[in-house]
Amino acid sequence: MKAVLIKMVKHPSKYGGDFYYGFFKDEEGNSFKVTIAEKYRNFVRWKPVLEKYKNNTGQEIWLDNLRVLKKNIIDSDSLFSFAKVEVPRLDN
């Protein structure tokens, strides 16, 4: 699945460190959520997404190959990649 990151919300974890809820919308406008934590082994995969979100200059962050576990939950073990978004060219 391909989806755009809407926002990341940081919370303190009761196990130490922080965890984040990531909120996404797919191309049809459906909402999804993922939970990631600094203590999870897959955090290394999500760290570039967090950094890009924190340093965002107004560009949308699209991810591709996200796997949905159930209903609106994204599998945090998804082997996603940053998706290229086609921007229409304006010819004057």
C-alpha atoms as a PDB file:
ATOM      1  CA  MET A   1       0.000   0.000   0.000  1.00  0.00           C
ATOM      2  CA  LYS A   2       1.136   3.531  -0.713  1.00  0.00           C
ATOM      3  CA  ALA A   3       0.284   6.252   1.833  1.00  0.00           C
ATOM      4  CA  VAL A   4       1.237   9.762   2.897  1.00  0.00           C
ATOM      5  CA  LEU A   5       2.366  10.538   6.435  1.00  0.00           C
ATOM      6  CA  ILE A   6      -0.028  13.007   8.037  1.00  0.00           C
ATOM      7  CA  LYS A   7       1.590  13.371  11.450  1.00  0.00           C
ATOM      8  CA  MET A   8       3.738  11.686  14.090  1.00  0.00           C
ATOM      9  CA  VAL A   9       2.807  11.927  17.760  1.00  0.00           C
ATOM     10  CA  LYS A  10       5.465  11.193  20.408  1.00  0.00           C
ATOM     11  CA  HIS A  11       4.658   9.636  23.810  1.00  0.00           C
ATOM     12  CA  PRO A  12       6.874   8.434  26.680  1.00  0.00           C
ATOM     13  CA  SER A  13       7.028   4.654  26.868  1.00  0.00           C
ATOM     14  CA  LYS A  14       6.509   2.859  30.154  1.00  0.00           C
ATOM     15  CA  TYR A  15       9.376   0.582  29.050  1.00  0.00           C
ATOM     16  CA  GLY A  16      11.847   3.450  28.647  1.00  0.00           C
ATOM     17  CA  GLY A  17      12.479   5.792  25.755  1.00  0.00           C
ATOM     18  CA  ASP A  18       9.678   7.043  23.545  1.00  0.00           C
ATOM     19  CA  PHE A  19       7.152   5.582  21.154  1.00  0.00           C
ATOM     20  CA  TYR A  20       5.338   7.213  18.269  1.00  0.00           C
ATOM     21  CA  TYR A  21       1.999   6.916  16.581  1.00  0.00           C
ATOM     22  CA  GLY A  22       2.268   7.568  12.873  1.00  0.00           C
ATOM     23  CA  PHE A  23      -0.916   8.581  11.066  1.00  0.00           C
ATOM     24  CA  PHE A  24      -1.263   7.967   7.319  1.00  0.00           C
ATOM     25  CA  LYS A  25      -3.789   8.358   4.509  1.00  0.00           C
ATOM     26  CA  ASP A  26      -3.760   6.119   1.470  1.00  0.00           C
ATOM     27  CA  GLU A  27      -4.512   7.234  -2.076  1.00  0.00           C
ATOM     28  CA  GLU A  28      -8.246   6.620  -1.562  1.00  0.00           C
ATOM     29  CA  GLY A  29      -8.331   8.777   1.589  1.00  0.00           C
ATOM     30  CA  ASN A  30      -8.552   5.905   4.105  1.00  0.00           C
ATOM     31  CA  SER A  31      -6.819   6.498   7.452  1.00  0.00           C
ATOM     32  CA  PHE A  32      -4.190   4.192   8.975  1.00  0.00           C
ATOM     33  CA  LYS A  33      -2.007   4.125  12.081  1.00  0.00           C
ATOM     34  CA  VAL A  34       1.341   2.564  12.962  1.00  0.00           C
ATOM     35  CA  THR A  35       3.062   2.282  16.342  1.00  0.00           C
ATOM     36  CA  ILE A  36       6.853   2.488  16.459  1.00  0.00           C
ATOM     37  CA  ALA A  37       9.171   2.604  19.465  1.00  0.00           C
ATOM     38  CA  GLU A  38      12.830   3.289  20.054  1.00  0.00           C
ATOM     39  CA  LYS A  39      13.120  -0.085  21.807  1.00  0.00           C
ATOM     40  CA  TYR A  40      11.696  -2.076  18.860  1.00  0.00           C
ATOM     41  CA  ARG A  41      14.232  -3.833  16.650  1.00  0.00           C
ATOM     42  CA  ASN A  42      12.626  -2.306  13.564  1.00  0.00           C
ATOM     43  CA  PHE A  43      13.117   1.272  14.809  1.00  0.00           C
ATOM     44  CA  VAL A  44      16.222   1.567  12.633  1.00  0.00           C
ATOM     45  CA  ARG A  45      13.929   1.259   9.605  1.00  0.00           C
ATOM     46  CA  TRP A  46      11.584   4.010  10.837  1.00  0.00           C
ATOM     47  CA  LYS A  47      14.251   6.445  12.051  1.00  0.00           C
ATOM     48  CA  PRO A  48      14.735   8.082   8.602  1.00  0.00           C
ATOM     49  CA  VAL A  49      10.967   8.650   8.414  1.00  0.00           C
ATOM     50  CA  LEU A  50      11.004  10.371  11.815  1.00  0.00           C
ATOM     51  CA  GLU A  51      13.992  12.514  10.844  1.00  0.00           C
ATOM     52  CA  LYS A  52      12.382  13.495   7.563  1.00  0.00           C
ATOM     53  CA  TYR A  53       9.173  14.379   9.429  1.00  0.00           C
ATOM     54  CA  LYS A  54      11.025  16.488  12.020  1.00  0.00           C
ATOM     55  CA  ASN A  55      13.014  18.329   9.322  1.00  0.00           C
ATOM     56  CA  ASN A  56      10.111  18.604   6.904  1.00  0.00           C
ATOM     57  CA  THR A  57      10.082  21.640   4.676  1.00  0.00           C
ATOM     58  CA  GLY A  58       6.477  21.259   3.606  1.00  0.00           C
ATOM     59  CA  GLN A  59       6.988  18.302   1.273  1.00  0.00           C
ATOM     60  CA  GLU A  60       4.687  15.346   1.660  1.00  0.00           C
ATOM     61  CA  ILE A  61       6.288  12.120   2.873  1.00  0.00           C
ATOM     62  CA  TRP A  62       4.941   9.152   0.898  1.00  0.00           C
ATOM     63  CA  LEU A  63       5.798   5.558   1.759  1.00  0.00           C
ATOM     64  CA  ASP A  64       5.238   2.568  -0.491  1.00  0.00           C
ATOM     65  CA  ASN A  65       4.974  -1.166   0.284  1.00  0.00           C
ATOM     66  CA  LEU A  66       3.268  -0.611   3.637  1.00  0.00           C
ATOM     67  CA  ARG A  67       1.541  -3.771   4.811  1.00  0.00           C
ATOM     68  CA  VAL A  68      -1.825  -3.570   6.566  1.00  0.00           C
ATOM     69  CA  LEU A  69      -2.331  -5.981   9.465  1.00  0.00           C
ATOM     70  CA  LYS A  70      -6.019  -5.431  10.084  1.00  0.00           C
ATOM     71  CA  LYS A  71      -8.578  -2.764   9.392  1.00  0.00           C
ATOM     72  CA  ASN A  72      -6.512   0.436   9.756  1.00  0.00           C
ATOM     73  CA  ILE A  73      -3.278  -0.799  11.401  1.00  0.00           C
ATOM     74  CA  ILE A  74      -0.002  -0.730   9.465  1.00  0.00           C
ATOM     75  CA  ASP A  75       2.507  -3.477  10.241  1.00  0.00           C
ATOM     76  CA  SER A  76       5.563  -1.761  11.744  1.00  0.00           C
ATOM     77  CA  ASP A  77       7.686  -4.555  10.216  1.00  0.00           C
ATOM     78  CA  SER A  78       6.698  -3.467   6.689  1.00  0.00           C
ATOM     79  CA  LEU A  79       9.623  -3.330   4.275  1.00  0.00           C
ATOM     80  CA  PHE A  80       8.565   0.064   2.949  1.00  0.00           C
ATOM     81  CA  SER A  81      10.425   2.561   0.814  1.00  0.00           C
ATOM     82  CA  PHE A  82      10.074   6.266   0.228  1.00  0.00           C
ATOM     83  CA  ALA A  83       7.706   6.652  -2.713  1.00  0.00           C
ATOM     84  CA  LYS A  84       8.328   9.007  -5.560  1.00  0.00           C
ATOM     85  CA  VAL A  85       5.426  11.331  -6.121  1.00  0.00           C
ATOM     86  CA  GLU A  86       4.835  12.654  -9.572  1.00  0.00           C
ATOM     87  CA  VAL A  87       4.423  16.413  -9.537  1.00  0.00           C
ATOM     88  CA  PRO A  88       2.687  17.817 -12.595  1.00  0.00           C
ATOM     89  CA  ARG A  89       4.827  20.118 -14.675  1.00  0.00           C
ATOM     90  CA  LEU A  90       3.479  23.562 -15.309  1.00  0.00           C
ATOM     91  CA  ASP A  91       4.424  24.772 -18.759  1.00  0.00           C
ATOM     92  CA  ASN A  92       4.019  28.495 -19.291  1.00  0.00           C
END
